[in-house]
Protein backbone atom coordinates (compact mmCIF):
# COMPACT_ATOMS: atom_id res chain seq x y z
CA UNK A 1 1.66 -17.05 -39.33
CA UNK A 2 2.63 -17.88 -35.81
CA UNK A 3 0.40 -18.90 -32.89
CA UNK A 4 0.40 -16.88 -29.80
CA UNK A 5 -1.14 -17.77 -26.45
CA UNK A 6 -2.54 -14.76 -24.40
CA UNK A 7 -4.08 -13.77 -21.24
CA UNK A 8 -6.22 -10.65 -21.30
CA UNK A 9 -8.94 -8.83 -19.62
CA UNK A 10 -12.40 -7.97 -20.98
CA UNK A 11 -14.39 -4.81 -20.47
CA UNK A 12 -15.84 -6.13 -17.21
CA UNK A 13 -12.25 -6.89 -15.91
CA UNK A 14 -12.63 -10.65 -16.26
CA UNK A 15 -9.63 -12.71 -17.27
CA UNK A 16 -9.89 -14.27 -20.73
CA UNK A 17 -7.26 -16.93 -22.08
CA UNK A 18 -6.80 -18.41 -25.46
CA UNK A 19 -4.76 -18.45 -28.67
CA UNK A 20 -4.56 -16.26 -31.78
CA UNK A 21 -2.74 -16.63 -35.09
CA UNK A 22 -0.82 -13.65 -36.34
CA UNK A 23 2.09 -12.51 -38.33
CA UNK A 24 4.04 -11.14 -35.32
CA UNK A 25 3.50 -10.08 -31.67
CA UNK A 26 2.49 -6.54 -32.63
CA UNK A 27 -0.24 -7.87 -35.04
CA UNK A 28 -1.34 -10.44 -32.19
CA UNK A 29 -1.80 -7.61 -29.61
CA UNK A 30 -3.66 -5.36 -32.22
CA UNK A 31 -6.03 -8.25 -33.03
CA UNK A 32 -6.71 -9.02 -29.40
CA UNK A 33 -7.47 -5.36 -28.61
CA UNK A 34 -9.69 -5.05 -31.74
CA UNK A 35 -11.92 -7.56 -30.01
CA UNK A 36 -12.37 -5.36 -26.92
CA UNK A 37 -9.74 -7.30 -24.76
CA UNK A 38 -6.63 -5.87 -22.91
CA UNK A 39 -3.74 -8.30 -23.17
CA UNK A 40 -1.70 -8.64 -19.97
CA UNK A 41 0.46 -11.60 -21.24
CA UNK A 42 1.44 -12.85 -24.59
CA UNK A 43 3.74 -15.81 -25.59
CA UNK A 44 4.46 -17.52 -28.87
CA UNK A 45 3.68 -21.19 -29.04
CA UNK A 46 6.50 -23.43 -30.19
CA UNK A 47 6.31 -25.32 -33.38
CA UNK A 48 5.80 -28.56 -31.59
CA UNK A 49 3.01 -27.15 -29.38
CA UNK A 50 1.39 -25.55 -32.47
CA UNK A 51 1.30 -28.90 -34.24
CA UNK A 52 -0.30 -30.49 -31.18
CA UNK A 53 -3.03 -27.79 -31.08
CA UNK A 54 -3.61 -28.18 -34.83
CA UNK A 55 -5.99 -31.26 -34.67
CA UNK A 56 -8.46 -29.62 -32.10
CA UNK A 57 -8.28 -26.45 -33.98
CA UNK A 58 -9.64 -28.13 -37.13
CA UNK A 59 -12.63 -29.65 -35.29
CA UNK A 60 -13.29 -26.24 -33.76
CA UNK A 61 -13.47 -24.78 -37.19
CA UNK A 62 -16.29 -27.06 -38.34
CA UNK A 63 -18.33 -26.50 -35.11
CA UNK A 64 -17.79 -23.01 -34.72
CA UNK A 65 -17.36 -20.97 -37.79
CA UNK A 66 -17.46 -17.70 -35.95
CA UNK A 67 -14.31 -18.52 -34.28
CA UNK A 68 -12.58 -18.88 -37.58
CA UNK A 69 -13.46 -15.54 -38.62
CA UNK A 70 -12.47 -13.75 -35.38
CA UNK A 71 -9.20 -15.57 -35.11
CA UNK A 72 -9.60 -15.89 -31.34
CA UNK A 73 -10.06 -19.12 -29.52
CA UNK A 74 -11.29 -18.42 -26.14
CA UNK A 75 -12.21 -22.06 -25.30
CA UNK A 76 -8.44 -23.03 -25.11
CA UNK A 77 -7.10 -22.90 -21.49
CA UNK A 78 -3.42 -22.33 -21.24
CA UNK A 79 -0.81 -22.07 -18.55
CA UNK A 80 1.42 -19.20 -18.76
CA UNK A 81 4.61 -19.31 -16.72
CA UNK A 82 6.25 -16.22 -15.32
CA UNK A 83 9.65 -15.53 -17.02
CA UNK A 84 12.76 -16.75 -15.24
CA UNK A 85 14.20 -13.37 -15.26
CA UNK A 86 11.55 -11.98 -12.81
CA UNK A 87 13.60 -9.64 -10.56
CA UNK A 88 13.10 -8.38 -7.06
CA UNK A 89 11.22 -5.23 -5.88
CA UNK A 90 12.62 -1.87 -6.77
CA UNK A 91 12.51 1.01 -4.27
CA UNK A 92 9.58 3.45 -4.91
CA UNK A 93 11.97 6.42 -5.26
CA UNK A 94 13.93 4.55 -7.90
CA UNK A 95 10.72 3.63 -9.76
CA UNK A 96 9.46 7.28 -9.53
CA UNK A 97 12.92 8.60 -10.84
CA UNK A 98 12.71 6.14 -13.83
CA UNK A 99 9.15 7.20 -14.66
CA UNK A 100 9.90 10.87 -14.58
CA UNK A 101 13.05 10.43 -16.72
CA UNK A 102 11.23 8.34 -19.19
CA UNK A 103 8.31 10.80 -19.45
CA UNK A 104 10.80 13.55 -20.21
CA UNK A 105 12.71 11.61 -22.91
CA UNK A 106 9.54 10.34 -24.56
CA UNK A 107 8.02 14.08 -24.41
CA UNK A 108 11.29 15.16 -26.10
CA UNK A 109 10.30 13.01 -29.10
CA UNK A 110 12.85 10.20 -28.72
CA UNK A 111 11.76 6.65 -29.68
CA UNK A 112 10.93 4.29 -27.01
CA UNK A 113 13.88 2.04 -27.55
CA UNK A 114 16.27 5.00 -27.56
CA UNK A 115 14.82 6.14 -24.38
CA UNK A 116 15.36 2.88 -22.77
CA UNK A 117 19.09 2.77 -24.00
CA UNK A 118 19.58 6.22 -22.50
CA UNK A 119 18.20 5.23 -19.21
CA UNK A 120 20.32 2.13 -19.10
CA UNK A 121 23.33 4.36 -18.96
CA UNK A 122 22.28 6.09 -15.90
CA UNK A 123 23.32 5.03 -12.39
CA UNK A 124 20.37 2.83 -11.14
CA UNK A 125 19.91 -0.05 -8.72
CA UNK A 126 21.02 -3.41 -10.11
CA UNK A 127 17.35 -4.70 -9.94
CA UNK A 128 16.29 -1.69 -12.13
CA UNK A 129 19.16 -2.22 -14.59
CA UNK A 130 18.18 -5.92 -15.19
CA UNK A 131 14.51 -4.87 -15.52
CA UNK A 132 15.53 -2.32 -18.20
CA UNK A 133 17.63 -4.95 -20.03
CA UNK A 134 14.58 -7.32 -20.09
CA UNK A 135 12.26 -4.57 -21.30
CA UNK A 136 14.54 -3.57 -24.23
CA UNK A 137 14.92 -7.22 -25.22
CA UNK A 138 11.03 -7.51 -25.18
CA UNK A 139 10.48 -4.47 -27.27
CA UNK A 140 13.26 -5.34 -29.72
CA UNK A 141 11.44 -8.78 -30.25
CA UNK A 142 8.22 -6.89 -31.39
CA UNK A 143 6.51 -6.64 -28.11
CA UNK A 144 4.70 -3.47 -26.67
CA UNK A 145 6.09 -1.55 -23.67
CA UNK A 146 3.17 -2.61 -21.55
CA UNK A 147 3.58 -6.09 -22.65
CA UNK A 148 7.14 -5.86 -21.37
CA UNK A 149 6.12 -4.54 -18.07
CA UNK A 150 3.88 -7.33 -17.26
CA UNK A 151 6.91 -9.51 -16.87
CA UNK A 152 7.88 -7.58 -13.75
CA UNK A 153 4.84 -7.59 -11.40
CA UNK A 154 6.92 -7.01 -8.38
CA UNK A 155 8.08 -3.64 -9.80
CA UNK A 156 5.17 -2.48 -12.08
CA UNK A 157 1.90 -3.06 -10.57
CA UNK A 158 -1.51 -3.33 -12.16
CA UNK A 159 -1.99 0.48 -11.93
CA UNK A 160 1.15 1.23 -13.71
CA UNK A 161 0.64 -1.52 -16.44
CA UNK A 162 -2.82 -0.63 -17.15
CA UNK A 163 -2.07 3.17 -17.41
CA UNK A 164 0.69 2.42 -19.76
CA UNK A 165 -1.65 0.22 -21.83
CA UNK A 166 -4.16 2.93 -22.09
CA UNK A 167 -1.30 5.49 -23.00
CA UNK A 168 -0.27 3.19 -25.91
CA UNK A 169 -3.74 2.79 -27.15
CA UNK A 170 -4.56 6.44 -27.08
CA UNK A 171 -1.08 7.54 -28.38
CA UNK A 172 -0.55 9.59 -25.27
CA UNK A 173 2.27 7.69 -23.52
CA UNK A 174 4.16 10.58 -22.54
CA UNK A 175 1.03 12.25 -20.84
CA UNK A 176 0.37 8.95 -19.03
CA UNK A 177 4.14 8.69 -17.77
CA UNK A 178 3.93 12.16 -16.41
CA UNK A 179 0.66 11.40 -14.59
CA UNK A 180 2.33 8.24 -13.12
CA UNK A 181 5.34 10.17 -11.98
CA UNK A 182 3.22 12.89 -10.48
CA UNK A 183 0.93 10.14 -8.77
CA UNK A 184 3.96 8.26 -7.34
CA UNK A 185 5.68 11.54 -6.01
CA UNK A 186 2.50 12.71 -4.35
CA UNK A 187 1.80 9.23 -2.91
CA UNK A 188 5.39 9.11 -1.66
CA UNK A 189 5.18 12.67 -0.24
CA UNK A 190 2.09 11.84 1.87
CA UNK A 191 3.65 8.43 3.04
CA UNK A 192 6.86 10.15 4.33
CA UNK A 193 4.84 12.88 6.11
CA UNK A 194 2.86 10.18 7.99
CA UNK A 195 6.04 8.16 8.71
CA UNK A 196 7.90 11.37 9.85
CA UNK A 197 4.99 12.10 12.22
CA UNK A 198 5.31 8.78 13.95
CA UNK A 199 9.13 9.01 14.50
CA UNK A 200 8.92 11.46 17.39
CA UNK A 201 6.22 9.51 19.41
CA UNK A 202 7.89 6.21 18.67
CA UNK A 203 11.23 7.56 20.08
CA UNK A 204 9.56 9.02 23.15
CA UNK A 205 7.60 5.73 23.89
CA UNK A 206 10.72 3.64 23.48
CA UNK A 207 12.68 5.93 25.74
CA UNK A 208 9.83 6.00 28.40
CA UNK A 209 9.72 2.12 28.34
CA UNK A 210 13.58 1.85 28.70
CA UNK A 211 13.88 4.45 31.44
CA UNK A 212 10.94 3.01 33.48
CA UNK A 213 12.46 -0.69 33.06
CA UNK A 214 16.05 0.50 34.11
CA UNK A 215 14.57 2.23 37.24
CA UNK A 216 12.37 -0.61 38.28
CA UNK A 217 15.14 -3.26 37.72
CA UNK A 218 18.24 -1.49 38.89
CA UNK A 219 17.52 1.45 41.00
CA UNK A 220 14.30 0.57 43.10
CA UNK A 221 15.78 -2.55 44.61
CA UNK A 222 18.63 -0.38 46.11
CA UNK A 223 16.18 1.96 47.60
CA UNK A 224 14.23 -1.00 48.92
CA UNK A 225 17.19 -2.34 50.75
CA UNK A 226 18.03 1.07 52.22
CA UNK A 227 14.49 1.60 53.45
CA UNK A 228 14.34 -1.81 55.17
CA UNK A 229 17.45 -1.08 56.92
CA UNK A 230 16.68 2.45 58.24
CA UNK A 231 12.94 2.23 58.73
CA UNK A 232 13.04 -1.13 60.58
CA UNK A 233 9.76 -2.44 58.96
CA UNK A 234 7.74 0.70 59.37
CA UNK A 235 4.82 1.12 57.01
CA UNK A 236 5.81 2.84 53.65
CA UNK A 237 3.60 5.39 51.67
CA UNK A 238 1.04 3.74 49.45
CA UNK A 239 2.74 5.05 46.26
CA UNK A 240 6.09 3.64 47.40
CA UNK A 241 4.61 0.30 48.18
CA UNK A 242 2.85 0.30 44.59
CA UNK A 243 6.16 1.10 42.86
CA UNK A 244 8.28 -1.42 44.89
CA UNK A 245 5.52 -4.03 44.21
CA UNK A 246 5.76 -3.39 40.44
CA UNK A 247 9.50 -3.62 40.75
CA UNK A 248 9.39 -7.08 42.40
CA UNK A 249 7.05 -8.17 39.68
CA UNK A 250 9.21 -7.06 36.91
CA UNK A 251 12.36 -8.66 38.42
CA UNK A 252 10.70 -11.88 39.13
CA UNK A 253 8.60 -12.32 35.96
CA UNK A 254 10.82 -10.62 33.46
CA UNK A 255 10.80 -13.74 31.15
CA UNK A 256 7.11 -14.43 31.57
CA UNK A 257 6.47 -10.71 30.64
CA UNK A 258 8.70 -11.06 27.44
CA UNK A 259 6.85 -14.22 26.54
CA UNK A 260 3.51 -12.60 27.04
CA UNK A 261 4.46 -9.59 25.01
CA UNK A 262 5.73 -11.86 22.08
CA UNK A 263 2.61 -13.88 22.34
CA UNK A 264 0.37 -10.90 21.96
CA UNK A 265 2.35 -9.70 18.98
CA UNK A 266 2.05 -13.08 17.31
CA UNK A 267 -1.65 -13.41 18.04
CA UNK A 268 -2.16 -9.77 16.67
CA UNK A 269 -0.32 -10.94 13.46
CA UNK A 270 -2.34 -14.09 13.13
CA UNK A 271 -5.57 -12.38 13.79
CA UNK A 272 -4.73 -9.75 11.17
CA UNK A 273 -4.01 -12.34 8.53
CA UNK A 274 -7.41 -13.72 8.69
CA UNK A 275 -10.17 -12.33 6.62
CA UNK A 276 -12.42 -11.47 9.52
CA UNK A 277 -9.45 -10.15 11.70
CA UNK A 278 -8.01 -7.99 8.93
CA UNK A 279 -11.38 -6.43 8.22
CA UNK A 280 -11.99 -5.77 11.98
CA UNK A 281 -8.58 -4.18 12.44
CA UNK A 282 -9.00 -2.00 9.33
CA UNK A 283 -12.40 -1.00 10.67
CA UNK A 284 -10.81 -0.21 14.00
CA UNK A 285 -8.10 1.93 12.37
CA UNK A 286 -10.63 4.22 10.63
CA UNK A 287 -12.61 4.69 13.93
CA UNK A 288 -9.78 5.52 16.28
CA UNK A 289 -10.30 8.71 18.25
CA UNK A 290 -7.17 10.54 17.15
CA UNK A 291 -5.47 8.64 14.31
CA UNK A 292 -8.76 7.45 12.66
CA UNK A 293 -9.33 10.84 11.00
CA UNK A 294 -5.84 10.75 9.46
CA UNK A 295 -6.29 7.16 8.21
CA UNK A 296 -9.50 7.90 6.70
CA UNK A 297 -8.31 10.99 4.85
CA UNK A 298 -5.28 9.46 3.69
CA UNK A 299 -7.40 6.31 2.35
CA UNK A 300 -9.81 8.89 0.53
CA UNK A 301 -6.98 10.74 -0.93
CA UNK A 302 -5.31 7.47 -2.28
CA UNK A 303 -8.67 6.12 -3.75
CA UNK A 304 -9.71 9.26 -5.50
CA UNK A 305 -6.28 10.17 -6.85
CA UNK A 306 -5.82 6.59 -8.26
CA UNK A 307 -9.33 6.40 -9.73
CA UNK A 308 -9.07 9.85 -11.29
CA UNK A 309 -5.51 9.20 -12.73
CA UNK A 310 -6.78 5.85 -14.28
CA UNK A 311 -9.94 7.44 -15.74
CA UNK A 312 -8.02 10.54 -17.16
CA UNK A 313 -5.66 8.06 -18.77
CA UNK A 314 -8.36 6.23 -20.60
CA UNK A 315 -8.72 3.16 -18.50
CA UNK A 316 -12.49 1.70 -18.56
CA UNK A 317 -14.36 2.50 -15.41
CA UNK A 318 -14.95 -1.09 -14.31
CA UNK A 319 -11.22 -2.10 -14.81
CA UNK A 320 -10.12 1.11 -13.02
CA UNK A 321 -12.38 0.29 -10.05
CA UNK A 322 -10.91 -3.22 -9.80
CA UNK A 323 -7.32 -1.81 -9.79
CA UNK A 324 -8.38 0.74 -7.12
CA UNK A 325 -9.88 -2.09 -5.14
CA UNK A 326 -6.75 -4.16 -5.44
CA UNK A 327 -4.32 -1.51 -4.59
CA UNK A 328 -6.02 -0.07 -1.56
CA UNK A 329 -4.69 -1.43 1.74
CA UNK A 330 -7.83 -1.15 3.85
CA UNK A 331 -10.37 -3.92 3.92
CA UNK A 332 -13.23 -1.53 4.71
CA UNK A 333 -12.44 0.71 1.78
CA UNK A 334 -11.88 -2.33 -0.43
CA UNK A 335 -15.41 -3.52 0.35
CA UNK A 336 -16.80 -0.16 -0.43
CA UNK A 337 -15.06 -0.02 -3.88
CA UNK A 338 -16.30 -3.57 -4.63
CA UNK A 339 -19.82 -2.34 -4.10
CA UNK A 340 -19.33 0.59 -6.38
CA UNK A 341 -17.92 -1.66 -8.97
CA UNK A 342 -20.93 -4.04 -8.62
CA UNK A 343 -23.35 -0.94 -8.92
CA UNK A 344 -21.66 0.36 -12.02
CA UNK A 345 -21.55 -2.98 -13.70
CA UNK A 346 -25.34 -3.10 -13.33
CA UNK A 347 -25.51 0.41 -14.93
CA UNK A 348 -26.22 2.25 -11.65
CA UNK A 349 -24.54 5.40 -10.27
CA UNK A 350 -21.39 5.35 -8.12
CA UNK A 351 -22.96 7.74 -5.60
CA UNK A 352 -25.50 5.35 -3.82
CA UNK A 353 -22.90 2.71 -2.82
CA UNK A 354 -20.28 5.56 -1.84
CA UNK A 355 -22.81 7.00 0.48
CA UNK A 356 -23.95 3.78 1.85
CA UNK A 357 -20.41 2.59 2.80
CA UNK A 358 -19.92 5.23 5.63
CA UNK A 359 -16.32 5.61 4.52
CA UNK A 360 -16.68 8.74 2.13
CA UNK A 361 -18.07 11.89 3.54
CA UNK A 362 -20.97 13.56 1.88
CA UNK A 363 -18.72 16.22 0.16
CA UNK A 364 -16.89 13.40 -1.64
CA UNK A 365 -20.24 11.86 -2.65
CA UNK A 366 -21.57 15.11 -3.96
CA UNK A 367 -18.49 15.88 -6.02
CA UNK A 368 -18.51 12.33 -7.47
CA UNK A 369 -22.22 12.76 -8.33
CA UNK A 370 -21.52 16.23 -10.08
CA UNK A 371 -18.53 14.56 -12.11
CA UNK A 372 -20.84 11.77 -13.20
CA UNK A 373 -23.61 14.28 -14.39
CA UNK A 374 -21.18 16.69 -16.20
CA UNK A 375 -18.88 13.91 -17.64
CA UNK A 376 -15.85 15.39 -15.72
CA UNK A 377 -15.51 12.56 -13.19
CA UNK A 378 -11.63 12.31 -13.40
CA UNK A 379 -11.29 16.01 -12.93
CA UNK A 380 -13.67 15.90 -9.80
CA UNK A 381 -11.79 13.13 -8.38
CA UNK A 382 -8.44 14.73 -8.89
CA UNK A 383 -9.81 17.90 -7.09
CA UNK A 384 -11.15 15.81 -4.22
CA UNK A 385 -7.61 14.05 -3.93
CA UNK A 386 -5.87 17.54 -3.93
CA UNK A 387 -8.24 18.67 -1.15
CA UNK A 388 -7.61 15.69 0.97
CA UNK A 389 -3.99 15.94 0.38
CA UNK A 390 -4.05 19.26 2.07
CA UNK A 391 -6.28 17.99 4.75
CA UNK A 392 -3.79 15.04 5.43
CA UNK A 393 -0.96 17.65 5.69
CA UNK A 394 -2.91 19.64 8.05
CA UNK A 395 -3.91 16.56 10.16
CA UNK A 396 -0.26 15.37 10.31
CA UNK A 397 0.75 18.80 11.57
CA UNK A 398 -1.89 18.95 14.17
CA UNK A 399 -1.35 15.46 15.37
CA UNK A 400 2.33 16.06 15.67
CA UNK A 401 1.75 19.33 17.53
CA UNK A 402 -0.72 17.57 19.90
CA UNK A 403 1.25 14.44 20.46
CA UNK A 404 4.49 16.13 21.52
CA UNK A 405 3.14 17.68 24.77
CA UNK A 406 0.99 14.68 25.53
CA UNK A 407 4.08 12.35 25.34
CA UNK A 408 6.24 14.78 27.39
CA UNK A 409 3.53 14.88 30.14
CA UNK A 410 3.13 11.20 29.97
CA UNK A 411 6.96 10.67 30.46
CA UNK A 412 7.04 13.23 33.18
CA UNK A 413 4.21 11.51 35.18
CA UNK A 414 5.82 8.02 34.80
CA UNK A 415 9.31 9.17 35.89
CA UNK A 416 7.93 11.69 38.46
CA UNK A 417 5.74 9.01 40.11
CA UNK A 418 8.84 6.86 40.62
CA UNK A 419 10.92 9.74 41.87
CA UNK A 420 8.34 10.91 44.49
CA UNK A 421 7.76 7.21 45.57
CA UNK A 422 11.47 6.99 46.49
CA UNK A 423 11.72 10.37 48.07
CA UNK A 424 8.61 10.21 50.45
CA UNK A 425 10.34 7.44 52.59
CA UNK A 426 13.58 9.58 52.47
CA UNK A 427 11.63 12.48 53.89
CA UNK A 428 10.49 10.20 56.71
CA UNK A 429 14.03 9.03 57.42
CA UNK A 430 15.44 12.47 57.52
CA UNK A 431 12.63 13.65 59.88
CA UNK A 432 13.29 10.58 62.22
CA UNK A 433 17.03 11.36 62.20
CA UNK A 434 16.31 15.01 63.04
CA UNK A 435 13.93 14.10 65.85
CA UNK A 436 16.48 11.61 67.32
CA UNK A 437 19.27 14.19 67.09
CA UNK A 438 17.16 16.86 68.89
CA UNK A 439 16.12 14.50 71.63
């Protein structure tokens, strides 16, 4: 018998640590799961460490006979070190391709080790290849697939690992992998659409700032010299004086402006890193006049799809809510999910805290309520996610269509104001020259 150290989650999502004796890794994992725990890390204790732990174990047997019967010792605190071969982050598209290919191979009936060996022959990123080598070594040593994934938290997040665990426990790994691939593909699709919608306004704004700066620093001073020579100190139009004053300010305070902009960016970053600041910024993003609707719909789509996918894969509701809370990027949504978790933990319904959060509209709350009453919560959440995916698509298309003319008008107003400001004195000069020639 070998002694294993473990880290596991109970049904309430709380972390449990301890030791267990078993014939091999597979038997240890099975014994841990038999006690209602979900192992997230497992390591064999060296013989010297086992000998040191033997004496306190004997005392525990006399004091706690129940612990002897269960084979689990939850009172022993251990420190589990992350493997040295922990690798860097893999691109989302590479992880999605890996998941889709693995799901296809497993669905075709190939053993898991054979699937990993086949994928290792594909052209993948170096980090992904190193990851596959570590996974195959772990599985060959008697570990489970989910146990191997926990060694790479930068590549496989809690959502991925817990869904694989649920798939292994239910014998539906291929179904879970397909769901993971579909989830990643849809999430990436929405992300790309939002990013694509922001490219055009970003380019136009950068162009507007660049053109305006060039005109103020290079062109306006030359016109100012010409006006002083030809008009002989005569009063200039108000708009011309305003533009020239702005030009002088930019020329003589360029360094201060740069420092001020940099300081604002740094302050914004620092404020966003505080708990209060991060929450306030997230709250502001949800309530912005134009983009707030898009941010809110994207967040609802992500939350409902993630929760629905986890529940459909067999992950317990409390654990699924914790994963959703940790994977959402908005503090307001995170607080709402936490309140839902606390309510469910007390045996209450999800609908009241969802409605009280102010984040989820009545339609979402009503569909969740129907899902709870009919026992089809995962299906209802998936339907909500599909609905909001479509709404995100429409919102992105509408926002893009609205932003384009607004930015064009903005650029035209900025450049047009500068042009008019320079031409008004020119008209006055031409009029003076014509009057002098006529006289």
